[in-house]
Amino acid sequence: MRKSKNSGAQRLVRHHRVRKRVIGTPDRPRLCVFRSMRHTYAQVIDDSHGHTLIHASSLELSSSKEVVVNRKTDAAGHVGRLVAERSRSEGINTVVFDRAGYKYHGRVKALAEAAREGGLIF
């Protein structure tokens, strides 16, 4: 199946539709996922104040020599564990998951499952 030339625009439409309802509060911030062609990024955001509380990305893994990742899905899993660890150390246990218009599949699913295994509740 051929991908539409407007797939990026369609994702943004889906993202804005979901963002009308998904709001991060100080008690339950929003875990937002972004996928680029090479890397995966995750942020925990408090929308009431407009602050990013915690962030993690696969860029951190590629620059470190400790973790060697061959697949993007594995890197997304590491990012999910990293964001869960950082948020638990800040005292954040529950979040609202915002997949940003992406399908819950592949990298997004790996990140979400690893964050759940790390102790985040959503």
Protein backbone atom coordinates (compact mmCIF):
# COMPACT_ATOMS: atom_id res chain seq x y z
CA MET A 1 0.00 0.00 0.00
CA ARG A 2 1.37 3.37 -0.99
CA LYS A 3 1.62 6.06 1.64
CA SER A 4 -0.24 9.27 0.95
CA LYS A 5 1.75 12.41 0.23
CA ASN A 6 -0.27 14.11 2.94
CA SER A 7 0.40 11.57 5.70
CA GLY A 8 2.17 14.18 7.84
CA ALA A 9 -0.73 16.59 7.48
CA GLN A 10 -3.21 13.82 8.28
CA ARG A 11 -1.26 12.95 11.42
CA LEU A 12 -1.43 16.58 12.56
CA VAL A 13 -5.20 16.61 12.03
CA ARG A 14 -5.51 13.46 14.17
CA HIS A 15 -3.19 14.97 16.77
CA HIS A 16 -5.22 18.17 17.08
CA ARG A 17 -8.44 16.16 17.33
CA VAL A 18 -7.06 14.12 20.22
CA ARG A 19 -5.47 17.14 21.92
CA LYS A 20 -8.92 18.70 22.36
CA ARG A 21 -9.61 16.02 24.96
CA VAL A 22 -6.21 14.91 26.30
CA ILE A 23 -4.96 17.47 28.81
CA GLY A 24 -2.07 17.12 31.25
CA THR A 25 -2.62 18.38 34.80
CA PRO A 26 -0.14 18.72 37.68
CA ASP A 27 -1.61 15.54 39.23
CA ARG A 28 -1.66 13.62 35.96
CA PRO A 29 0.68 15.09 33.31
CA ARG A 30 0.67 14.15 29.64
CA LEU A 31 3.24 11.71 28.20
CA CYS A 32 3.70 12.86 24.61
CA VAL A 33 5.55 10.81 21.97
CA PHE A 34 7.24 12.11 18.83
CA ARG A 35 8.80 9.95 16.12
CA SER A 36 11.25 11.25 13.61
CA MET A 37 12.79 9.16 10.87
CA ARG A 38 15.73 8.18 13.08
CA HIS A 39 14.84 8.89 16.70
CA THR A 40 12.02 8.70 19.23
CA TYR A 41 11.33 11.43 21.77
CA ALA A 42 9.11 11.45 24.86
CA GLN A 43 8.08 14.31 27.13
CA VAL A 44 6.02 14.50 30.31
CA ILE A 45 4.16 17.81 30.10
CA ASP A 46 2.03 19.81 32.55
CA ASP A 47 -0.37 21.64 30.22
CA SER A 48 -1.88 23.86 32.92
CA HIS A 49 1.47 25.64 33.36
CA GLY A 50 2.90 24.84 29.93
CA HIS A 51 6.03 23.21 31.33
CA THR A 52 7.93 20.13 30.25
CA LEU A 53 8.66 18.21 33.43
CA ILE A 54 10.70 15.31 32.05
CA HIS A 55 12.10 14.40 28.66
CA ALA A 56 14.01 11.52 27.13
CA SER A 57 15.06 10.60 23.62
CA SER A 58 16.91 7.97 21.68
CA LEU A 59 19.51 10.65 20.88
CA GLU A 60 20.75 10.21 24.45
CA LEU A 61 21.19 6.50 23.81
CA SER A 62 23.05 6.98 20.54
CA SER A 63 25.53 9.38 22.14
CA SER A 64 26.21 7.12 25.14
CA LYS A 65 28.52 4.13 24.84
CA GLU A 66 26.65 2.12 27.51
CA VAL A 67 23.64 1.08 25.42
CA VAL A 68 24.04 -0.24 21.88
CA VAL A 69 20.74 -0.35 20.01
CA ASN A 70 20.38 -1.79 16.53
CA ARG A 71 16.64 -1.33 15.94
CA LYS A 72 14.50 1.77 16.35
CA THR A 73 11.86 -0.23 18.21
CA ASP A 74 14.41 -1.32 20.81
CA ALA A 75 15.58 2.27 21.18
CA ALA A 76 11.98 3.35 21.79
CA GLY A 77 11.73 0.74 24.55
CA HIS A 78 14.83 2.17 26.19
CA VAL A 79 13.32 5.67 25.95
CA GLY A 80 10.13 4.41 27.63
CA ARG A 81 12.10 2.88 30.50
CA LEU A 82 14.19 6.05 30.82
CA VAL A 83 11.18 8.36 30.97
CA ALA A 84 9.48 6.07 33.51
CA GLU A 85 12.57 6.02 35.70
CA ARG A 86 12.94 9.81 35.57
CA SER A 87 9.27 10.46 36.25
CA ARG A 88 9.19 8.04 39.19
CA SER A 89 12.20 9.84 40.69
CA GLU A 90 10.24 13.13 40.38
CA GLY A 91 7.24 11.55 42.12
CA ILE A 92 5.04 11.17 39.03
CA ASN A 93 3.25 7.82 38.97
CA THR A 94 0.25 8.37 36.68
CA VAL A 95 0.21 10.05 33.28
CA VAL A 96 -2.11 10.53 30.32
CA PHE A 97 -0.68 8.93 27.17
CA ASP A 98 -0.66 11.12 24.05
CA ARG A 99 0.43 9.19 20.97
CA ALA A 100 0.33 12.42 18.89
CA GLY A 101 -1.70 11.04 16.01
CA TYR A 102 0.57 8.04 15.42
CA LYS A 103 -0.81 4.50 15.32
CA TYR A 104 -0.38 2.52 18.53
CA HIS A 105 2.05 0.22 16.77
CA GLY A 106 5.78 -0.35 16.51
CA ARG A 107 7.87 2.32 18.23
CA VAL A 108 4.93 4.01 19.97
CA LYS A 109 3.71 0.70 21.38
CA ALA A 110 7.21 -0.29 22.50
CA LEU A 111 7.67 3.02 24.30
CA ALA A 112 4.28 2.75 26.03
CA GLU A 113 4.79 -0.84 27.16
CA ALA A 114 8.29 -0.10 28.47
CA ALA A 115 6.97 2.92 30.39
CA ARG A 116 4.28 0.72 31.93
CA GLU A 117 6.88 -1.87 32.88
CA GLY A 118 8.93 0.95 34.41
CA GLY A 119 6.07 1.77 36.76
CA LEU A 120 4.01 4.46 35.04
CA ILE A 121 0.25 4.02 35.18
CA PHE A 122 -1.86 4.99 32.17
